[in-house]
Amino acid sequence: TEYVAEEQQVDKIKYLVNGLLGIAEHEEINEDFVLFYY
């Protein structure tokens, strides 16, 4: 949500949301991994 709030191109927000799908697929996920991708 912090990334979404600061995004300059509104059409990119769908990709930020799609990333949540990938996160939800993992029972455990490394925070550094998420930060690196975003």
Full PDB file with SEQRES, HELIX, SHEET, SSBOND, CRYST1, ORIGX, SCALE, CONECT and MASTER records, all heavy atoms in Angstrom:
SEQRES   1 A   38  THR GLU TYR VAL ALA GLU GLU GLN GLN VAL ASP LYS ILE          
SEQRES   2 A   38  LYS TYR LEU VAL ASN GLY LEU LEU GLY ILE ALA GLU HIS          
SEQRES   3 A   38  GLU GLU ILE ASN GLU ASP PHE VAL LEU PHE TYR TYR              
HELIX    1 AA1 GLU A    2  GLU A    6  1                                   5    
HELIX    2 AA2 VAL A   10  LYS A   12  5                                   3    
HELIX    3 AA3 ILE A   13  ALA A   24  1                                  12    
HELIX    4 AA4 GLU A   31  TYR A   37  1                                   7    
CRYST1    1.000    1.000    1.000  90.00  90.00  90.00 P 1           1          
ORIGX1      1.000000  0.000000  0.000000        0.00000                         
ORIGX2      0.000000  1.000000  0.000000        0.00000                         
ORIGX3      0.000000  0.000000  1.000000        0.00000                         
SCALE1      1.000000  0.000000  0.000000        0.00000                         
SCALE2      0.000000  1.000000  0.000000        0.00000                         
SCALE3      0.000000  0.000000  1.000000        0.00000                         
ATOM      1  N   THR A   1       0.824  -1.206   0.000  1.00  0.00           N  
ATOM      2  CA  THR A   1       0.000   0.000   0.000  1.00  0.00           C  
ATOM      3  C   THR A   1       0.859   1.258   0.000  1.00  0.00           C  
ATOM      4  O   THR A   1       0.515   2.266  -0.633  1.00  0.00           O  
ATOM      5  CB  THR A   1      -0.942   0.006   1.220  1.00  0.00           C  
ATOM      6  OG1 THR A   1      -1.748  -1.173   1.198  1.00  0.00           O  
ATOM      7  CG2 THR A   1      -1.855   1.224   1.204  1.00  0.00           C  
ATOM      8  N   GLU A   2       2.002   1.214   0.672  1.00  0.00           N  
ATOM      9  CA  GLU A   2       2.921   2.360   0.659  1.00  0.00           C  
ATOM     10  C   GLU A   2       3.463   2.600  -0.746  1.00  0.00           C  
ATOM     11  O   GLU A   2       3.583   3.749  -1.196  1.00  0.00           O  
ATOM     12  CB  GLU A   2       4.068   2.119   1.644  1.00  0.00           C  
ATOM     13  CG  GLU A   2       3.648   2.142   3.104  1.00  0.00           C  
ATOM     14  CD  GLU A   2       4.812   1.871   4.039  1.00  0.00           C  
ATOM     15  OE1 GLU A   2       5.977   2.046   3.604  1.00  0.00           O  
ATOM     16  OE2 GLU A   2       4.583   1.465   5.189  1.00  0.00           O  
ATOM     17  N   TYR A   3       3.812   1.513  -1.441  1.00  0.00           N  
ATOM     18  CA  TYR A   3       4.265   1.660  -2.826  1.00  0.00           C  
ATOM     19  C   TYR A   3       3.141   2.226  -3.701  1.00  0.00           C  
ATOM     20  O   TYR A   3       3.387   3.068  -4.565  1.00  0.00           O  
ATOM     21  CB  TYR A   3       4.734   0.316  -3.391  1.00  0.00           C  
ATOM     22  CG  TYR A   3       6.102  -0.128  -2.942  1.00  0.00           C  
ATOM     23  CD1 TYR A   3       6.265  -1.033  -1.904  1.00  0.00           C  
ATOM     24  CD2 TYR A   3       7.253   0.349  -3.579  1.00  0.00           C  
ATOM     25  CE1 TYR A   3       7.522  -1.445  -1.487  1.00  0.00           C  
ATOM     26  CE2 TYR A   3       8.517  -0.072  -3.182  1.00  0.00           C  
ATOM     27  CZ  TYR A   3       8.649  -0.970  -2.139  1.00  0.00           C  
ATOM     28  OH  TYR A   3       9.900  -1.373  -1.731  1.00  0.00           O  
ATOM     29  N   VAL A   4       1.925   1.734  -3.484  1.00  0.00           N  
ATOM     30  CA  VAL A   4       0.779   2.215  -4.263  1.00  0.00           C  
ATOM     31  C   VAL A   4       0.582   3.712  -4.038  1.00  0.00           C  
ATOM     32  O   VAL A   4       0.367   4.481  -4.989  1.00  0.00           O  
ATOM     33  CB  VAL A   4      -0.507   1.441  -3.870  1.00  0.00           C  
ATOM     34  CG1 VAL A   4      -1.745   2.132  -4.450  1.00  0.00           C  
ATOM     35  CG2 VAL A   4      -0.434   0.001  -4.359  1.00  0.00           C  
ATOM     36  N   ALA A   5       0.653   4.151  -2.783  1.00  0.00           N  
ATOM     37  CA  ALA A   5       0.407   5.553  -2.451  1.00  0.00           C  
ATOM     38  C   ALA A   5       1.374   6.486  -3.179  1.00  0.00           C  
ATOM     39  O   ALA A   5       1.011   7.603  -3.560  1.00  0.00           O  
ATOM     40  CB  ALA A   5       0.510   5.754  -0.940  1.00  0.00           C  
ATOM     41  N   GLU A   6       2.600   6.027  -3.396  1.00  0.00           N  
ATOM     42  CA  GLU A   6       3.628   6.876  -3.998  1.00  0.00           C  
ATOM     43  C   GLU A   6       3.743   6.707  -5.507  1.00  0.00           C  
ATOM     44  O   GLU A   6       4.521   7.423  -6.148  1.00  0.00           O  
ATOM     45  CB  GLU A   6       4.989   6.564  -3.348  1.00  0.00           C  
ATOM     46  CG  GLU A   6       5.083   6.956  -1.883  1.00  0.00           C  
ATOM     47  CD  GLU A   6       4.864   8.452  -1.678  1.00  0.00           C  
ATOM     48  OE1 GLU A   6       5.377   9.247  -2.491  1.00  0.00           O  
ATOM     49  OE2 GLU A   6       4.148   8.822  -0.730  1.00  0.00           O  
ATOM     50  N   GLU A   7       3.002   5.778  -6.099  1.00  0.00           N  
ATOM     51  CA  GLU A   7       3.160   5.482  -7.524  1.00  0.00           C  
ATOM     52  C   GLU A   7       2.696   6.653  -8.399  1.00  0.00           C  
ATOM     53  O   GLU A   7       1.627   7.217  -8.193  1.00  0.00           O  
ATOM     54  CB  GLU A   7       2.358   4.221  -7.890  1.00  0.00           C  
ATOM     55  CG  GLU A   7       2.450   3.822  -9.346  1.00  0.00           C  
ATOM     56  CD  GLU A   7       3.864   3.720  -9.852  1.00  0.00           C  
ATOM     57  OE1 GLU A   7       4.679   3.011  -9.225  1.00  0.00           O  
ATOM     58  OE2 GLU A   7       4.156   4.362 -10.873  1.00  0.00           O  
ATOM     59  N   GLN A   8       3.530   7.015  -9.389  1.00  0.00           N  
ATOM     60  CA  GLN A   8       3.223   8.123 -10.278  1.00  0.00           C  
ATOM     61  C   GLN A   8       2.321   7.704 -11.442  1.00  0.00           C  
ATOM     62  O   GLN A   8       1.559   8.522 -11.966  1.00  0.00           O  
ATOM     63  CB  GLN A   8       4.525   8.721 -10.842  1.00  0.00           C  
ATOM     64  CG  GLN A   8       5.462   9.278  -9.780  1.00  0.00           C  
ATOM     65  CD  GLN A   8       4.843  10.417  -8.996  1.00  0.00           C  
ATOM     66  OE1 GLN A   8       4.144  11.255  -9.561  1.00  0.00           O  
ATOM     67  NE2 GLN A   8       5.076  10.452  -7.694  1.00  0.00           N  
ATOM     68  N   GLN A   9       2.435   6.447 -11.883  1.00  0.00           N  
ATOM     69  CA  GLN A   9       1.657   5.974 -13.026  1.00  0.00           C  
ATOM     70  C   GLN A   9       0.540   5.051 -12.535  1.00  0.00           C  
ATOM     71  O   GLN A   9       0.789   3.927 -12.114  1.00  0.00           O  
ATOM     72  CB  GLN A   9       2.558   5.229 -14.016  1.00  0.00           C  
ATOM     73  CG  GLN A   9       3.595   6.120 -14.695  1.00  0.00           C  
ATOM     74  CD  GLN A   9       4.402   5.356 -15.733  1.00  0.00           C  
ATOM     75  OE1 GLN A   9       5.120   4.422 -15.393  1.00  0.00           O  
ATOM     76  NE2 GLN A   9       4.317   5.758 -16.988  1.00  0.00           N  
ATOM     77  N   VAL A  10      -0.676   5.539 -12.625  1.00  0.00           N  
ATOM     78  CA  VAL A  10      -1.796   4.796 -12.056  1.00  0.00           C  
ATOM     79  C   VAL A  10      -1.971   3.435 -12.726  1.00  0.00           C  
ATOM     80  O   VAL A  10      -2.413   2.469 -12.077  1.00  0.00           O  
ATOM     81  CB  VAL A  10      -3.091   5.639 -12.156  1.00  0.00           C  
ATOM     82  CG1 VAL A  10      -3.558   5.789 -13.592  1.00  0.00           C  
ATOM     83  CG2 VAL A  10      -4.188   5.061 -11.289  1.00  0.00           C  
ATOM     84  N   ASP A  11      -1.615   3.311 -13.998  1.00  0.00           N  
ATOM     85  CA  ASP A  11      -1.770   2.030 -14.691  1.00  0.00           C  
ATOM     86  C   ASP A  11      -0.782   0.969 -14.204  1.00  0.00           C  
ATOM     87  O   ASP A  11      -0.920  -0.206 -14.557  1.00  0.00           O  
ATOM     88  CB  ASP A  11      -1.613   2.219 -16.201  1.00  0.00           C  
ATOM     89  CG  ASP A  11      -2.812   2.906 -16.840  1.00  0.00           C  
ATOM     90  OD1 ASP A  11      -3.879   2.919 -16.194  1.00  0.00           O  
ATOM     91  OD2 ASP A  11      -2.692   3.425 -17.960  1.00  0.00           O  
ATOM     92  N   LYS A  12       0.200   1.366 -13.412  1.00  0.00           N  
ATOM     93  CA  LYS A  12       1.136   0.395 -12.842  1.00  0.00           C  
ATOM     94  C   LYS A  12       0.580  -0.275 -11.590  1.00  0.00           C  
ATOM     95  O   LYS A  12       1.108  -1.298 -11.141  1.00  0.00           O  
ATOM     96  CB  LYS A  12       2.468   1.076 -12.482  1.00  0.00           C  
ATOM     97  CG  LYS A  12       3.574   0.899 -13.505  1.00  0.00           C  
ATOM     98  CD  LYS A  12       4.843   1.590 -13.046  1.00  0.00           C  
ATOM     99  CE  LYS A  12       5.455   0.915 -11.835  1.00  0.00           C  
ATOM    100  NZ  LYS A  12       6.643   1.637 -11.341  1.00  0.00           N  
ATOM    101  N   ILE A  13      -0.483   0.287 -11.036  1.00  0.00           N  
ATOM    102  CA  ILE A  13      -0.996  -0.211  -9.760  1.00  0.00           C  
ATOM    103  C   ILE A  13      -1.490  -1.648  -9.875  1.00  0.00           C  
ATOM    104  O   ILE A  13      -1.378  -2.438  -8.939  1.00  0.00           O  
ATOM    105  CB  ILE A  13      -2.081   0.743  -9.216  1.00  0.00           C  
ATOM    106  CG1 ILE A  13      -1.426   2.071  -8.824  1.00  0.00           C  
ATOM    107  CG2 ILE A  13      -2.822   0.135  -8.027  1.00  0.00           C  
ATOM    108  CD1 ILE A  13      -2.395   3.171  -8.436  1.00  0.00           C  
ATOM    109  N   LYS A  14      -2.003  -2.022 -11.044  1.00  0.00           N  
ATOM    110  CA  LYS A  14      -2.456  -3.409 -11.221  1.00  0.00           C  
ATOM    111  C   LYS A  14      -1.299  -4.389 -11.029  1.00  0.00           C  
ATOM    112  O   LYS A  14      -1.496  -5.496 -10.526  1.00  0.00           O  
ATOM    113  CB  LYS A  14      -3.082  -3.598 -12.597  1.00  0.00           C  
ATOM    114  CG  LYS A  14      -2.171  -3.318 -13.767  1.00  0.00           C  
ATOM    115  CD  LYS A  14      -2.932  -3.396 -15.090  1.00  0.00           C  
ATOM    116  CE  LYS A  14      -2.065  -2.982 -16.268  1.00  0.00           C  
ATOM    117  NZ  LYS A  14      -2.829  -2.971 -17.532  1.00  0.00           N  
ATOM    118  N   TYR A  15      -0.089  -3.984 -11.398  1.00  0.00           N  
ATOM    119  CA  TYR A  15       1.059  -4.861 -11.202  1.00  0.00           C  
ATOM    120  C   TYR A  15       1.439  -4.952  -9.721  1.00  0.00           C  
ATOM    121  O   TYR A  15       1.806  -6.022  -9.232  1.00  0.00           O  
ATOM    122  CB  TYR A  15       2.251  -4.360 -12.021  1.00  0.00           C  
ATOM    123  CG  TYR A  15       1.967  -4.261 -13.501  1.00  0.00           C  
ATOM    124  CD1 TYR A  15       2.237  -3.099 -14.212  1.00  0.00           C  
ATOM    125  CD2 TYR A  15       1.402  -5.326 -14.201  1.00  0.00           C  
ATOM    126  CE1 TYR A  15       1.957  -2.995 -15.569  1.00  0.00           C  
ATOM    127  CE2 TYR A  15       1.120  -5.236 -15.562  1.00  0.00           C  
ATOM    128  CZ  TYR A  15       1.403  -4.069 -16.238  1.00  0.00           C  
ATOM    129  OH  TYR A  15       1.125  -3.967 -17.579  1.00  0.00           O  
ATOM    130  N   LEU A  16       1.328  -3.832  -9.018  1.00  0.00           N  
ATOM    131  CA  LEU A  16       1.591  -3.843  -7.575  1.00  0.00           C  
ATOM    132  C   LEU A  16       0.611  -4.778  -6.869  1.00  0.00           C  
ATOM    133  O   LEU A  16       0.995  -5.537  -5.967  1.00  0.00           O  
ATOM    134  CB  LEU A  16       1.465  -2.421  -7.017  1.00  0.00           C  
ATOM    135  CG  LEU A  16       2.518  -1.403  -7.486  1.00  0.00           C  
ATOM    136  CD1 LEU A  16       2.051   0.014  -7.222  1.00  0.00           C  
ATOM    137  CD2 LEU A  16       3.850  -1.651  -6.802  1.00  0.00           C  
ATOM    138  N   VAL A  17      -0.653  -4.732  -7.279  1.00  0.00           N  
ATOM    139  CA  VAL A  17      -1.673  -5.607  -6.686  1.00  0.00           C  
ATOM    140  C   VAL A  17      -1.427  -7.054  -7.077  1.00  0.00           C  
ATOM    141  O   VAL A  17      -1.552  -7.967  -6.246  1.00  0.00           O  
ATOM    142  CB  VAL A  17      -3.080  -5.146  -7.107  1.00  0.00           C  
ATOM    143  CG1 VAL A  17      -4.140  -6.170  -6.673  1.00  0.00           C  
ATOM    144  CG2 VAL A  17      -3.395  -3.786  -6.494  1.00  0.00           C  
ATOM    145  N   ASN A  18      -1.065  -7.307  -8.346  1.00  0.00           N  
ATOM    146  CA  ASN A  18      -0.785  -8.677  -8.780  1.00  0.00           C  
ATOM    147  C   ASN A  18       0.319  -9.317  -7.947  1.00  0.00           C  
ATOM    148  O   ASN A  18       0.310 -10.528  -7.714  1.00  0.00           O  
ATOM    149  CB  ASN A  18      -0.376  -8.692 -10.259  1.00  0.00           C  
ATOM    150  CG  ASN A  18      -1.554  -8.536 -11.198  1.00  0.00           C  
ATOM    151  OD1 ASN A  18      -2.703  -8.703 -10.797  1.00  0.00           O  
ATOM    152  ND2 ASN A  18      -1.285  -8.197 -12.437  1.00  0.00           N  
ATOM    153  N   GLY A  19       1.276  -8.497  -7.502  1.00  0.00           N  
ATOM    154  CA  GLY A  19       2.341  -9.022  -6.658  1.00  0.00           C  
ATOM    155  C   GLY A  19       1.826  -9.608  -5.354  1.00  0.00           C  
ATOM    156  O   GLY A  19       2.416 -10.540  -4.805  1.00  0.00           O  
ATOM    157  N   LEU A  20       0.700  -9.068  -4.871  1.00  0.00           N  
ATOM    158  CA  LEU A  20       0.098  -9.618  -3.652  1.00  0.00           C  
ATOM    159  C   LEU A  20      -0.357 -11.060  -3.866  1.00  0.00           C  
ATOM    160  O   LEU A  20      -0.376 -11.859  -2.927  1.00  0.00           O  
ATOM    161  CB  LEU A  20      -1.085  -8.765  -3.198  1.00  0.00           C  
ATOM    162  CG  LEU A  20      -0.750  -7.442  -2.497  1.00  0.00           C  
ATOM    163  CD1 LEU A  20      -2.015  -6.621  -2.293  1.00  0.00           C  
ATOM    164  CD2 LEU A  20      -0.043  -7.696  -1.168  1.00  0.00           C  
ATOM    165  N   LEU A  21      -0.741 -11.393  -5.113  1.00  0.00           N  
ATOM    166  CA  LEU A  21      -1.115 -12.771  -5.417  1.00  0.00           C  
ATOM    167  C   LEU A  21       0.073 -13.701  -5.178  1.00  0.00           C  
ATOM    168  O   LEU A  21      -0.071 -14.770  -4.597  1.00  0.00           O  
ATOM    169  CB  LEU A  21      -1.561 -12.896  -6.879  1.00  0.00           C  
ATOM    170  CG  LEU A  21      -2.855 -12.195  -7.292  1.00  0.00           C  
ATOM    171  CD1 LEU A  21      -3.051 -12.327  -8.792  1.00  0.00           C  
ATOM    172  CD2 LEU A  21      -4.039 -12.772  -6.557  1.00  0.00           C  
ATOM    173  N   GLY A  22       1.246 -13.260  -5.681  1.00  0.00           N  
ATOM    174  CA  GLY A  22       2.454 -14.064  -5.486  1.00  0.00           C  
ATOM    175  C   GLY A  22       2.803 -14.204  -4.018  1.00  0.00           C  
ATOM    176  O   GLY A  22       3.212 -15.281  -3.564  1.00  0.00           O  
ATOM    177  N   ILE A  23       2.647 -13.131  -3.270  1.00  0.00           N  
ATOM    178  CA  ILE A  23       2.948 -13.176  -1.833  1.00  0.00           C  
ATOM    179  C   ILE A  23       1.991 -14.127  -1.128  1.00  0.00           C  
ATOM    180  O   ILE A  23       2.399 -14.920  -0.264  1.00  0.00           O  
ATOM    181  CB  ILE A  23       2.852 -11.758  -1.230  1.00  0.00           C  
ATOM    182  CG1 ILE A  23       3.970 -10.867  -1.801  1.00  0.00           C  
ATOM    183  CG2 ILE A  23       2.947 -11.811   0.299  1.00  0.00           C  
ATOM    184  CD1 ILE A  23       3.849  -9.403  -1.420  1.00  0.00           C  
ATOM    185  N   ALA A  24       0.716 -14.076  -1.488  1.00  0.00           N  
ATOM    186  CA  ALA A  24      -0.296 -14.921  -0.837  1.00  0.00           C  
ATOM    187  C   ALA A  24      -0.063 -16.402  -1.108  1.00  0.00           C  
ATOM    188  O   ALA A  24      -0.516 -17.252  -0.335  1.00  0.00           O  
ATOM    189  CB  ALA A  24      -1.689 -14.515  -1.301  1.00  0.00           C  
ATOM    190  N   GLU A  25       0.644 -16.719  -2.190  1.00  0.00           N  
ATOM    191  CA  GLU A  25       0.911 -18.113  -2.532  1.00  0.00           C  
ATOM    192  C   GLU A  25       1.944 -18.750  -1.608  1.00  0.00           C  
ATOM    193  O   GLU A  25       2.061 -19.961  -1.547  1.00  0.00           O  
ATOM    194  CB  GLU A  25       1.393 -18.222  -3.984  1.00  0.00           C  
ATOM    195  CG  GLU A  25       0.309 -18.007  -5.031  1.00  0.00           C  
ATOM    196  CD  GLU A  25      -0.704 -19.136  -5.047  1.00  0.00           C  
ATOM    197  OE1 GLU A  25      -0.374 -20.256  -4.607  1.00  0.00           O  
ATOM    198  OE2 GLU A  25      -1.845 -18.899  -5.496  1.00  0.00           O  
ATOM    199  N   HIS A  26       2.713 -17.934  -0.901  1.00  0.00           N  
ATOM    200  CA  HIS A  26       3.790 -18.451  -0.051  1.00  0.00           C  
ATOM    201  C   HIS A  26       3.349 -18.474   1.409  1.00  0.00           C  
ATOM    202  O   HIS A  26       2.869 -17.465   1.928  1.00  0.00           O  
ATOM    203  CB  HIS A  26       5.044 -17.582  -0.169  1.00  0.00           C  
ATOM    204  CG  HIS A  26       5.688 -17.618  -1.529  1.00  0.00           C  
ATOM    205  ND1 HIS A  26       5.190 -16.894  -2.597  1.00  0.00           N  
ATOM    206  CD2 HIS A  26       6.766 -18.287  -1.991  1.00  0.00           C  
ATOM    207  CE1 HIS A  26       5.942 -17.107  -3.659  1.00  0.00           C  
ATOM    208  NE2 HIS A  26       6.905 -17.947  -3.321  1.00  0.00           N  
ATOM    209  N   GLU A  27       3.517 -19.611   2.051  1.00  0.00           N  
ATOM    210  CA  GLU A  27       3.229 -19.671   3.483  1.00  0.00           C  
ATOM    211  C   GLU A  27       4.231 -18.822   4.255  1.00  0.00           C  
ATOM    212  O   GLU A  27       3.908 -18.202   5.254  1.00  0.00           O  
ATOM    213  CB  GLU A  27       3.272 -21.126   3.970  1.00  0.00           C  
ATOM    214  CG  GLU A  27       2.121 -21.971   3.428  1.00  0.00           C  
ATOM    215  CD  GLU A  27       2.094 -23.354   4.044  1.00  0.00           C  
ATOM    216  OE1 GLU A  27       2.890 -23.604   4.978  1.00  0.00           O  
ATOM    217  OE2 GLU A  27       1.278 -24.180   3.607  1.00  0.00           O  
ATOM    218  N   GLU A  28       5.473 -18.826   3.785  1.00  0.00           N  
ATOM    219  CA  GLU A  28       6.503 -17.967   4.357  1.00  0.00           C  
ATOM    220  C   GLU A  28       7.259 -17.329   3.206  1.00  0.00           C  
ATOM    221  O   GLU A  28       7.559 -17.990   2.214  1.00  0.00           O  
ATOM    222  CB  GLU A  28       7.470 -18.767   5.248  1.00  0.00           C  
ATOM    223  CG  GLU A  28       6.835 -19.288   6.526  1.00  0.00           C  
ATOM    224  CD  GLU A  28       7.860 -19.928   7.456  1.00  0.00           C  
ATOM    225  OE1 GLU A  28       9.064 -19.739   7.220  1.00  0.00           O  
ATOM    226  OE2 GLU A  28       7.438 -20.616   8.394  1.00  0.00           O  
ATOM    227  N   ILE A  29       7.559 -16.052   3.327  1.00  0.00           N  
ATOM    228  CA  ILE A  29       8.273 -15.353   2.268  1.00  0.00           C  
ATOM    229  C   ILE A  29       9.243 -14.362   2.910  1.00  0.00           C  
ATOM    230  O   ILE A  29       8.926 -13.739   3.923  1.00  0.00           O  
ATOM    231  CB  ILE A  29       7.286 -14.644   1.310  1.00  0.00           C  
ATOM    232  CG1 ILE A  29       8.001 -14.149   0.064  1.00  0.00           C  
ATOM    233  CG2 ILE A  29       6.541 -13.536   1.993  1.00  0.00           C  
ATOM    234  CD1 ILE A  29       7.057 -13.720  -1.052  1.00  0.00           C  
ATOM    235  N   ASN A  30      10.411 -14.251   2.320  1.00  0.00           N  
ATOM    236  CA  ASN A  30      11.460 -13.395   2.871  1.00  0.00           C  
ATOM    237  C   ASN A  30      11.167 -11.922   2.580  1.00  0.00           C  
ATOM    238  O   ASN A  30      10.853 -11.562   1.451  1.00  0.00           O  
ATOM    239  CB  ASN A  30      12.810 -13.815   2.258  1.00  0.00           C  
ATOM    240  CG  ASN A  30      13.971 -13.058   2.863  1.00  0.00           C  
ATOM    241  OD1 ASN A  30      14.228 -11.924   2.475  1.00  0.00           O  
ATOM    242  ND2 ASN A  30      14.662 -13.676   3.802  1.00  0.00           N  
ATOM    243  N   GLU A  31      11.274 -11.091   3.602  1.00  0.00           N  
ATOM    244  CA  GLU A  31      10.984  -9.666   3.427  1.00  0.00           C  
ATOM    245  C   GLU A  31      11.937  -9.017   2.429  1.00  0.00           C  
ATOM    246  O   GLU A  31      11.531  -8.165   1.628  1.00  0.00           O  
ATOM    247  CB  GLU A  31      11.071  -8.936   4.770  1.00  0.00           C  
ATOM    248  CG  GLU A  31      10.727  -7.456   4.670  1.00  0.00           C  
ATOM    249  CD  GLU A  31      10.697  -6.774   6.026  1.00  0.00           C  
ATOM    250  OE1 GLU A  31      10.801  -7.472   7.052  1.00  0.00           O  
ATOM    251  OE2 GLU A  31      10.570  -5.533   6.052  1.00  0.00           O  
ATOM    252  N   ASP A  32      13.219  -9.407   2.452  1.00  0.00           N  
ATOM    253  CA  ASP A  32      14.177  -8.841   1.501  1.00  0.00           C  
ATOM    254  C   ASP A  32      13.779  -9.160   0.064  1.00  0.00           C  
ATOM    255  O   ASP A  32      13.956  -8.343  -0.847  1.00  0.00           O  
ATOM    256  CB  ASP A  32      15.588  -9.383   1.769  1.00  0.00           C  
ATOM    257  CG  ASP A  32      16.192  -8.816   3.037  1.00  0.00           C  
ATOM    258  OD1 ASP A  32      15.753  -7.723   3.456  1.00  0.00           O  
ATOM    259  OD2 ASP A  32      17.095  -9.444   3.609  1.00  0.00           O  
ATOM    260  N   PHE A  33      13.236 -10.363  -0.151  1.00  0.00           N  
ATOM    261  CA  PHE A  33      12.774 -10.764  -1.479  1.00  0.00           C  
ATOM    262  C   PHE A  33      11.653  -9.833  -1.946  1.00  0.00           C  
ATOM    263  O   PHE A  33      11.668  -9.343  -3.087  1.00  0.00           O  
ATOM    264  CB  PHE A  33      12.281 -12.214  -1.422  1.00  0.00           C  
ATOM    265  CG  PHE A  33      11.515 -12.685  -2.629  1.00  0.00           C  
ATOM    266  CD1 PHE A  33      12.173 -13.210  -3.729  1.00  0.00           C  
ATOM    267  CD2 PHE A  33      10.127 -12.589  -2.667  1.00  0.00           C  
ATOM    268  CE1 PHE A  33      11.459 -13.637  -4.841  1.00  0.00           C  
ATOM    269  CE2 PHE A  33       9.410 -13.018  -3.771  1.00  0.00           C  
ATOM    270  CZ  PHE A  33      10.085 -13.541  -4.867  1.00  0.00           C  
ATOM    271  N   VAL A  34      10.687  -9.597  -1.078  1.00  0.00           N  
ATOM    272  CA  VAL A  34       9.555  -8.739  -1.430  1.00  0.00           C  
ATOM    273  C   VAL A  34      10.033  -7.321  -1.727  1.00  0.00           C  
ATOM    274  O   VAL A  34       9.648  -6.711  -2.743  1.00  0.00           O  
ATOM    275  CB  VAL A  34       8.505  -8.723  -0.298  1.00  0.00           C  
ATOM    276  CG1 VAL A  34       7.388  -7.738  -0.610  1.00  0.00           C  
ATOM    277  CG2 VAL A  34       7.935 -10.124  -0.087  1.00  0.00           C  
ATOM    278  N   LEU A  35      10.884  -6.787  -0.867  1.00  0.00           N  
ATOM    279  CA  LEU A  35      11.388  -5.427  -1.060  1.00  0.00           C  
ATOM    280  C   LEU A  35      12.191  -5.314  -2.350  1.00  0.00           C  
ATOM    281  O   LEU A  35      12.070  -4.327  -3.079  1.00  0.00           O  
ATOM    282  CB  LEU A  35      12.258  -5.011   0.130  1.00  0.00           C  
ATOM    283  CG  LEU A  35      11.507  -4.737   1.431  1.00  0.00           C  
ATOM    284  CD1 LEU A  35      12.496  -4.575   2.584  1.00  0.00           C  
ATOM    285  CD2 LEU A  35      10.635  -3.491   1.310  1.00  0.00           C  
ATOM    286  N   PHE A  36      12.997  -6.334  -2.655  1.00  0.00           N  
ATOM    287  CA  PHE A  36      13.811  -6.323  -3.869  1.00  0.00           C  
ATOM    288  C   PHE A  36      12.929  -6.282  -5.109  1.00  0.00           C  
ATOM    289  O   PHE A  36      13.153  -5.486  -6.035  1.00  0.00           O  
ATOM    290  CB  PHE A  36      14.722  -7.550  -3.895  1.00  0.00           C  
ATOM    291  CG  PHE A  36      15.571  -7.651  -5.132  1.00  0.00           C  
ATOM    292  CD1 PHE A  36      16.473  -6.659  -5.450  1.00  0.00           C  
ATOM    293  CD2 PHE A  36      15.460  -8.748  -5.973  1.00  0.00           C  
ATOM    294  CE1 PHE A  36      17.263  -6.738  -6.591  1.00  0.00           C  
ATOM    295  CE2 PHE A  36      16.241  -8.844  -7.123  1.00  0.00           C  
ATOM    296  CZ  PHE A  36      17.137  -7.836  -7.431  1.00  0.00           C  
ATOM    297  N   TYR A  37      11.898  -7.125  -5.140  1.00  0.00           N  
ATOM    298  CA  TYR A  37      11.002  -7.150  -6.293  1.00  0.00           C  
ATOM    299  C   TYR A  37      10.247  -5.836  -6.439  1.00  0.00           C  
ATOM    300  O   TYR A  37      10.134  -5.279  -7.543  1.00  0.00           O  
ATOM    301  CB  TYR A  37      10.019  -8.321  -6.180  1.00  0.00           C  
ATOM    302  CG  TYR A  37      10.507  -9.584  -6.850  1.00  0.00           C  
ATOM    303  CD1 TYR A  37      11.713 -10.177  -6.482  1.00  0.00           C  
ATOM    304  CD2 TYR A  37       9.773 -10.177  -7.862  1.00  0.00           C  
ATOM    305  CE1 TYR A  37      12.165 -11.331  -7.109  1.00  0.00           C  
ATOM    306  CE2 TYR A  37      10.217 -11.339  -8.506  1.00  0.00           C  
ATOM    307  CZ  TYR A  37      11.409 -11.911  -8.119  1.00  0.00           C  
ATOM    308  OH  TYR A  37      11.859 -13.035  -8.743  1.00  0.00           O  
ATOM    309  N   TYR A  38       9.718  -5.318  -5.338  1.00  0.00           N  
ATOM    310  CA  TYR A  38       8.935  -4.087  -5.415  1.00  0.00           C  
ATOM    311  C   TYR A  38       9.811  -2.866  -5.663  1.00  0.00           C  
ATOM    312  O   TYR A  38       9.393  -1.926  -6.353  1.00  0.00           O  
ATOM    313  CB  TYR A  38       8.079  -3.913  -4.166  1.00  0.00           C  
ATOM    314  CG  TYR A  38       6.749  -4.625  -4.282  1.00  0.00           C  
ATOM    315  CD1 TYR A  38       6.595  -5.941  -3.854  1.00  0.00           C  
ATOM    316  CD2 TYR A  38       5.640  -3.992  -4.851  1.00  0.00           C  
ATOM    317  CE1 TYR A  38       5.384  -6.608  -3.996  1.00  0.00           C  
ATOM    318  CE2 TYR A  38       4.429  -4.647  -4.984  1.00  0.00           C  
ATOM    319  CZ  TYR A  38       4.308  -5.953  -4.563  1.00  0.00           C  
ATOM    320  OH  TYR A  38       3.108  -6.607  -4.709  1.00  0.00           O  
TER     321      TYR A  38                                                      
MASTER        0    0    0    4    0    0    0    6  320    1    0    3          
END                                                                             
